[in-house]
Amino acid sequence: MLKDTPMINVSPEIMGGTPVFTGTRVPVQTLMDYLKSGESIDDFLDGFPTVTREQVIALLEEAGKQLVGMVA
């Protein structure tokens, strides 16, 4: 699962256990909401400068691998 990766942190002490980008308080769901509404990764990064492009790309790559693995 993605929560066991270095790019996501899940802790009851941070945002009540909401999955966030490691080292931030930015929920991963916020990125998904941005992308779902048609916003770009750059728009997301402009709004949440504590998240790095590398974190976003790594998350999306890992999510894609896991999705493909589930259906393969």
PDB file of N, CA and C in Angstrom:
ATOM      1  N   MET A   1       0.835  -1.194   0.000  1.00  0.00           N
ATOM      2  CA  MET A   1       0.000   0.000   0.000  1.00  0.00           C
ATOM      3  C   MET A   1       0.876   1.252   0.000  1.00  0.00           C
ATOM      4  N   LEU A   2       0.339   2.311  -0.501  1.00  0.00           N
ATOM      5  CA  LEU A   2       1.088   3.558  -0.580  1.00  0.00           C
ATOM      6  C   LEU A   2       1.449   4.131   0.778  1.00  0.00           C
ATOM      7  N   LYS A   3       0.661   3.836   1.805  1.00  0.00           N
ATOM      8  CA  LYS A   3       0.973   4.428   3.108  1.00  0.00           C
ATOM      9  C   LYS A   3       2.264   3.887   3.695  1.00  0.00           C
ATOM     10  N   ASP A   4       2.786   2.821   3.129  1.00  0.00           N
ATOM     11  CA  ASP A   4       4.041   2.259   3.594  1.00  0.00           C
ATOM     12  C   ASP A   4       5.226   2.756   2.776  1.00  0.00           C
ATOM     13  N   THR A   5       5.070   3.854   2.094  1.00  0.00           N
ATOM     14  CA  THR A   5       6.130   4.395   1.257  1.00  0.00           C
ATOM     15  C   THR A   5       6.712   5.649   1.907  1.00  0.00           C
ATOM     16  N   PRO A   6       7.952   6.001   1.512  1.00  0.00           N
ATOM     17  CA  PRO A   6       8.571   7.172   2.140  1.00  0.00           C
ATOM     18  C   PRO A   6       7.924   8.505   1.772  1.00  0.00           C
ATOM     19  N   MET A   7       7.040   8.535   0.757  1.00  0.00           N
ATOM     20  CA  MET A   7       6.455   9.827   0.384  1.00  0.00           C
ATOM     21  C   MET A   7       5.166  10.156   1.133  1.00  0.00           C
ATOM     22  N   ILE A   8       4.635   9.184   1.882  1.00  0.00           N
ATOM     23  CA  ILE A   8       3.397   9.418   2.629  1.00  0.00           C
ATOM     24  C   ILE A   8       3.610   9.084   4.091  1.00  0.00           C
ATOM     25  N   ASN A   9       3.089   9.947   4.949  1.00  0.00           N
ATOM     26  CA  ASN A   9       3.147   9.732   6.388  1.00  0.00           C
ATOM     27  C   ASN A   9       1.728   9.651   6.928  1.00  0.00           C
ATOM     28  N   VAL A  10       1.495   8.639   7.774  1.00  0.00           N
ATOM     29  CA  VAL A  10       0.210   8.500   8.453  1.00  0.00           C
ATOM     30  C   VAL A  10       0.509   8.387   9.939  1.00  0.00           C
ATOM     31  N   SER A  11       0.089   9.401  10.680  1.00  0.00           N
ATOM     32  CA  SER A  11       0.342   9.432  12.119  1.00  0.00           C
ATOM     33  C   SER A  11      -0.848  10.097  12.807  1.00  0.00           C
ATOM     34  N   PRO A  12      -1.301   9.522  13.907  1.00  0.00           N
ATOM     35  CA  PRO A  12      -2.414  10.155  14.617  1.00  0.00           C
ATOM     36  C   PRO A  12      -2.082  11.563  15.122  1.00  0.00           C
ATOM     37  N   GLU A  13      -0.787  11.858  15.259  1.00  0.00           N
ATOM     38  CA  GLU A  13      -0.379  13.183  15.729  1.00  0.00           C
ATOM     39  C   GLU A  13      -0.376  14.238  14.629  1.00  0.00           C
ATOM     40  N   ILE A  14      -0.460  13.811  13.380  1.00  0.00           N
ATOM     41  CA  ILE A  14      -0.437  14.760  12.256  1.00  0.00           C
ATOM     42  C   ILE A  14      -1.763  14.657  11.515  1.00  0.00           C
ATOM     43  N   MET A  15      -2.513  15.721  11.568  1.00  0.00           N
ATOM     44  CA  MET A  15      -3.802  15.812  10.871  1.00  0.00           C
ATOM     45  C   MET A  15      -4.726  14.639  11.232  1.00  0.00           C
ATOM     46  N   GLY A  16      -4.630  14.181  12.473  1.00  0.00           N
ATOM     47  CA  GLY A  16      -5.517  13.127  12.962  1.00  0.00           C
ATOM     48  C   GLY A  16      -5.384  11.811  12.211  1.00  0.00           C
ATOM     49  N   GLY A  17      -4.218  11.546  11.635  1.00  0.00           N
ATOM     50  CA  GLY A  17      -4.003  10.288  10.923  1.00  0.00           C
ATOM     51  C   GLY A  17      -4.311  10.338   9.441  1.00  0.00           C
ATOM     52  N   THR A  18      -4.654  11.509   8.938  1.00  0.00           N
ATOM     53  CA  THR A  18      -4.882  11.682   7.501  1.00  0.00           C
ATOM     54  C   THR A  18      -3.560  11.470   6.765  1.00  0.00           C
ATOM     55  N   PRO A  19      -3.553  10.697   5.679  1.00  0.00           N
ATOM     56  CA  PRO A  19      -2.307  10.533   4.916  1.00  0.00           C
ATOM     57  C   PRO A  19      -1.836  11.883   4.358  1.00  0.00           C
ATOM     58  N   VAL A  20      -0.600  12.245   4.694  1.00  0.00           N
ATOM     59  CA  VAL A  20      -0.012  13.503   4.237  1.00  0.00           C
ATOM     60  C   VAL A  20       1.322  13.220   3.551  1.00  0.00           C
ATOM     61  N   PHE A  21       1.770  14.175   2.749  1.00  0.00           N
ATOM     62  CA  PHE A  21       3.107  14.077   2.186  1.00  0.00           C
ATOM     63  C   PHE A  21       4.106  14.162   3.329  1.00  0.00           C
ATOM     64  N   THR A  22       5.072  13.264   3.347  1.00  0.00           N
ATOM     65  CA  THR A  22       6.067  13.214   4.410  1.00  0.00           C
ATOM     66  C   THR A  22       6.757  14.569   4.574  1.00  0.00           C
ATOM     67  N   GLY A  23       6.886  14.986   5.818  1.00  0.00           N
ATOM     68  CA  GLY A  23       7.538  16.249   6.130  1.00  0.00           C
ATOM     69  C   GLY A  23       6.630  17.459   6.000  1.00  0.00           C
ATOM     70  N   THR A  24       5.337  17.216   5.718  1.00  0.00           N
ATOM     71  CA  THR A  24       4.387  18.320   5.561  1.00  0.00           C
ATOM     72  C   THR A  24       3.115  17.995   6.332  1.00  0.00           C
ATOM     73  N   ARG A  25       2.175  18.908   6.274  1.00  0.00           N
ATOM     74  CA  ARG A  25       0.828  18.672   6.786  1.00  0.00           C
ATOM     75  C   ARG A  25      -0.175  18.737   5.626  1.00  0.00           C
ATOM     76  N   VAL A  26       0.312  18.484   4.425  1.00  0.00           N
ATOM     77  CA  VAL A  26      -0.519  18.569   3.225  1.00  0.00           C
ATOM     78  C   VAL A  26      -1.101  17.188   2.922  1.00  0.00           C
ATOM     79  N   PRO A  27      -2.422  17.049   3.006  1.00  0.00           N
ATOM     80  CA  PRO A  27      -3.040  15.758   2.714  1.00  0.00           C
ATOM     81  C   PRO A  27      -2.838  15.338   1.253  1.00  0.00           C
ATOM     82  N   VAL A  28      -2.580  14.060   1.070  1.00  0.00           N
ATOM     83  CA  VAL A  28      -2.451  13.500  -0.279  1.00  0.00           C
ATOM     84  C   VAL A  28      -3.757  13.716  -1.051  1.00  0.00           C
ATOM     85  N   GLN A  29      -4.875  13.646  -0.353  1.00  0.00           N
ATOM     86  CA  GLN A  29      -6.175  13.837  -1.001  1.00  0.00           C
ATOM     87  C   GLN A  29      -6.264  15.199  -1.677  1.00  0.00           C
ATOM     88  N   THR A  30      -5.567  16.193  -1.148  1.00  0.00           N
ATOM     89  CA  THR A  30      -5.587  17.524  -1.750  1.00  0.00           C
ATOM     90  C   THR A  30      -5.015  17.481  -3.162  1.00  0.00           C
ATOM     91  N   LEU A  31      -3.931  16.735  -3.358  1.00  0.00           N
ATOM     92  CA  LEU A  31      -3.381  16.576  -4.703  1.00  0.00           C
ATOM     93  C   LEU A  31      -4.418  15.918  -5.614  1.00  0.00           C
ATOM     94  N   MET A  32      -5.053  14.859  -5.134  1.00  0.00           N
ATOM     95  CA  MET A  32      -6.050  14.164  -5.947  1.00  0.00           C
ATOM     96  C   MET A  32      -7.205  15.102  -6.312  1.00  0.00           C
ATOM     97  N   ASP A  33      -7.623  15.924  -5.363  1.00  0.00           N
ATOM     98  CA  ASP A  33      -8.703  16.877  -5.629  1.00  0.00           C
ATOM     99  C   ASP A  33      -8.290  17.891  -6.701  1.00  0.00           C
ATOM    100  N   TYR A  34      -7.055  18.372  -6.626  1.00  0.00           N
ATOM    101  CA  TYR A  34      -6.546  19.309  -7.632  1.00  0.00           C
ATOM    102  C   TYR A  34      -6.578  18.665  -9.014  1.00  0.00           C
ATOM    103  N   LEU A  35      -6.034  17.458  -9.105  1.00  0.00           N
ATOM    104  CA  LEU A  35      -5.963  16.794 -10.410  1.00  0.00           C
ATOM    105  C   LEU A  35      -7.347  16.465 -10.947  1.00  0.00           C
ATOM    106  N   LYS A  36      -8.239  16.036 -10.063  1.00  0.00           N
ATOM    107  CA  LYS A  36      -9.600  15.699 -10.479  1.00  0.00           C
ATOM    108  C   LYS A  36     -10.338  16.921 -11.028  1.00  0.00           C
ATOM    109  N   SER A  37     -10.039  18.083 -10.484  1.00  0.00           N
ATOM    110  CA  SER A  37     -10.730  19.297 -10.939  1.00  0.00           C
ATOM    111  C   SER A  37     -10.072  19.928 -12.169  1.00  0.00           C
ATOM    112  N   GLY A  38      -9.031  19.264 -12.687  1.00  0.00           N
ATOM    113  CA  GLY A  38      -8.402  19.761 -13.903  1.00  0.00           C
ATOM    114  C   GLY A  38      -7.208  20.663 -13.674  1.00  0.00           C
ATOM    115  N   GLU A  39      -6.832  20.854 -12.421  1.00  0.00           N
ATOM    116  CA  GLU A  39      -5.662  21.673 -12.116  1.00  0.00           C
ATOM    117  C   GLU A  39      -4.398  20.879 -12.446  1.00  0.00           C
ATOM    118  N   SER A  40      -3.307  21.580 -12.616  1.00  0.00           N
ATOM    119  CA  SER A  40      -2.039  20.929 -12.949  1.00  0.00           C
ATOM    120  C   SER A  40      -1.218  20.664 -11.687  1.00  0.00           C
ATOM    121  N   ILE A  41      -0.184  19.855 -11.846  1.00  0.00           N
ATOM    122  CA  ILE A  41       0.754  19.630 -10.752  1.00  0.00           C
ATOM    123  C   ILE A  41       1.389  20.962 -10.351  1.00  0.00           C
ATOM    124  N   ASP A  42       1.715  21.797 -11.334  1.00  0.00           N
ATOM    125  CA  ASP A  42       2.300  23.105 -11.020  1.00  0.00           C
ATOM    126  C   ASP A  42       1.355  23.952 -10.177  1.00  0.00           C
ATOM    127  N   ASP A  43       0.055  23.912 -10.484  1.00  0.00           N
ATOM    128  CA  ASP A  43      -0.912  24.654  -9.674  1.00  0.00           C
ATOM    129  C   ASP A  43      -0.890  24.159  -8.234  1.00  0.00           C
ATOM    130  N   PHE A  44      -0.868  22.846  -8.082  1.00  0.00           N
ATOM    131  CA  PHE A  44      -0.814  22.267  -6.738  1.00  0.00           C
ATOM    132  C   PHE A  44       0.453  22.704  -6.009  1.00  0.00           C
ATOM    133  N   LEU A  45       1.594  22.608  -6.679  1.00  0.00           N
ATOM    134  CA  LEU A  45       2.860  22.976  -6.044  1.00  0.00           C
ATOM    135  C   LEU A  45       2.911  24.459  -5.696  1.00  0.00           C
ATOM    136  N   ASP A  46       2.293  25.297  -6.518  1.00  0.00           N
ATOM    137  CA  ASP A  46       2.236  26.726  -6.197  1.00  0.00           C
ATOM    138  C   ASP A  46       1.442  26.962  -4.911  1.00  0.00           C
ATOM    139  N   GLY A  47       0.381  26.187  -4.734  1.00  0.00           N
ATOM    140  CA  GLY A  47      -0.455  26.342  -3.547  1.00  0.00           C
ATOM    141  C   GLY A  47       0.110  25.692  -2.301  1.00  0.00           C
ATOM    142  N   PHE A  48       0.987  24.710  -2.494  1.00  0.00           N
ATOM    143  CA  PHE A  48       1.538  23.951  -1.365  1.00  0.00           C
ATOM    144  C   PHE A  48       3.049  23.808  -1.538  1.00  0.00           C
ATOM    145  N   PRO A  49       3.781  24.886  -1.305  1.00  0.00           N
ATOM    146  CA  PRO A  49       5.224  24.883  -1.570  1.00  0.00           C
ATOM    147  C   PRO A  49       6.042  23.962  -0.663  1.00  0.00           C
ATOM    148  N   THR A  50       5.451  23.421   0.395  1.00  0.00           N
ATOM    149  CA  THR A  50       6.200  22.486   1.236  1.00  0.00           C
ATOM    150  C   THR A  50       6.289  21.101   0.603  1.00  0.00           C
ATOM    151  N   VAL A  51       5.478  20.848  -0.409  1.00  0.00           N
ATOM    152  CA  VAL A  51       5.534  19.576  -1.142  1.00  0.00           C
ATOM    153  C   VAL A  51       6.446  19.780  -2.343  1.00  0.00           C
ATOM    154  N   THR A  52       7.307  18.808  -2.604  1.00  0.00           N
ATOM    155  CA  THR A  52       8.218  18.917  -3.737  1.00  0.00           C
ATOM    156  C   THR A  52       7.652  18.206  -4.966  1.00  0.00           C
ATOM    157  N   ARG A  53       8.118  18.634  -6.116  1.00  0.00           N
ATOM    158  CA  ARG A  53       7.741  17.980  -7.360  1.00  0.00           C
ATOM    159  C   ARG A  53       8.136  16.497  -7.313  1.00  0.00           C
ATOM    160  N   GLU A  54       9.292  16.214  -6.729  1.00  0.00           N
ATOM    161  CA  GLU A  54       9.765  14.834  -6.635  1.00  0.00           C
ATOM    162  C   GLU A  54       8.790  13.978  -5.822  1.00  0.00           C
ATOM    163  N   GLN A  55       8.241  14.540  -4.742  1.00  0.00           N
ATOM    164  CA  GLN A  55       7.266  13.799  -3.942  1.00  0.00           C
ATOM    165  C   GLN A  55       6.013  13.489  -4.756  1.00  0.00           C
ATOM    166  N   VAL A  56       5.534  14.468  -5.498  1.00  0.00           N
ATOM    167  CA  VAL A  56       4.322  14.279  -6.294  1.00  0.00           C
ATOM    168  C   VAL A  56       4.558  13.227  -7.376  1.00  0.00           C
ATOM    169  N   ILE A  57       5.667  13.343  -8.096  1.00  0.00           N
ATOM    170  CA  ILE A  57       5.957  12.396  -9.174  1.00  0.00           C
ATOM    171  C   ILE A  57       6.130  10.990  -8.608  1.00  0.00           C
ATOM    172  N   ALA A  58       6.863  10.867  -7.499  1.00  0.00           N
ATOM    173  CA  ALA A  58       7.067   9.552  -6.885  1.00  0.00           C
ATOM    174  C   ALA A  58       5.734   8.941  -6.453  1.00  0.00           C
ATOM    175  N   LEU A  59       4.859   9.751  -5.878  1.00  0.00           N
ATOM    176  CA  LEU A  59       3.548   9.263  -5.464  1.00  0.00           C
ATOM    177  C   LEU A  59       2.746   8.774  -6.659  1.00  0.00           C
ATOM    178  N   LEU A  60       2.697   9.564  -7.717  1.00  0.00           N
ATOM    179  CA  LEU A  60       1.922   9.185  -8.895  1.00  0.00           C
ATOM    180  C   LEU A  60       2.505   7.948  -9.572  1.00  0.00           C
ATOM    181  N   GLU A  61       3.828   7.851  -9.618  1.00  0.00           N
ATOM    182  CA  GLU A  61       4.453   6.666 -10.212  1.00  0.00           C
ATOM    183  C   GLU A  61       4.122   5.416  -9.402  1.00  0.00           C
ATOM    184  N   GLU A  62       4.223   5.507  -8.088  1.00  0.00           N
ATOM    185  CA  GLU A  62       3.933   4.351  -7.235  1.00  0.00           C
ATOM    186  C   GLU A  62       2.459   3.971  -7.308  1.00  0.00           C
ATOM    187  N   ALA A  63       1.586   4.961  -7.326  1.00  0.00           N
ATOM    188  CA  ALA A  63       0.150   4.677  -7.452  1.00  0.00           C
ATOM    189  C   ALA A  63      -0.135   3.974  -8.776  1.00  0.00           C
ATOM    190  N   GLY A  64       0.497   4.426  -9.836  1.00  0.00           N
ATOM    191  CA  GLY A  64       0.318   3.794 -11.139  1.00  0.00           C
ATOM    192  C   GLY A  64       0.803   2.357 -11.141  1.00  0.00           C
ATOM    193  N   LYS A  65       1.951   2.105 -10.547  1.00  0.00           N
ATOM    194  CA  LYS A  65       2.475   0.733 -10.463  1.00  0.00           C
ATOM    195  C   LYS A  65       1.520  -0.162  -9.689  1.00  0.00           C
ATOM    196  N   GLN A  66       1.030   0.341  -8.577  1.00  0.00           N
ATOM    197  CA  GLN A  66       0.138  -0.474  -7.767  1.00  0.00           C
ATOM    198  C   GLN A  66      -1.182  -0.733  -8.480  1.00  0.00           C
ATOM    199  N   LEU A  67      -1.686   0.249  -9.182  1.00  0.00           N
ATOM    200  CA  LEU A  67      -2.924   0.068  -9.944  1.00  0.00           C
ATOM    201  C   LEU A  67      -2.750  -0.985 -11.023  1.00  0.00           C
ATOM    202  N   VAL A  68      -1.668  -0.892 -11.774  1.00  0.00           N
ATOM    203  CA  VAL A  68      -1.401  -1.868 -12.827  1.00  0.00           C
ATOM    204  C   VAL A  68      -1.230  -3.252 -12.210  1.00  0.00           C
ATOM    205  N   GLY A  69      -0.534  -3.330 -11.074  1.00  0.00           N
ATOM    206  CA  GLY A  69      -0.350  -4.606 -10.405  1.00  0.00           C
ATOM    207  C   GLY A  69      -1.658  -5.231  -9.939  1.00  0.00           C
ATOM    208  N   MET A  70      -2.624  -4.429  -9.586  1.00  0.00           N
ATOM    209  CA  MET A  70      -3.914  -4.943  -9.125  1.00  0.00           C
ATOM    210  C   MET A  70      -4.721  -5.550 -10.266  1.00  0.00           C
ATOM    211  N   VAL A  71      -4.571  -5.017 -11.454  1.00  0.00           N
ATOM    212  CA  VAL A  71      -5.387  -5.491 -12.580  1.00  0.00           C
ATOM    213  C   VAL A  71      -4.642  -6.471 -13.477  1.00  0.00           C
ATOM    214  N   ALA A  72      -3.344  -6.622 -13.254  1.00  0.00           N
ATOM    215  CA  ALA A  72      -2.557  -7.531 -14.099  1.00  0.00           C
ATOM    216  C   ALA A  72      -2.674  -8.964 -13.617  1.00  0.00           C
TER     217      ALA A  72
END
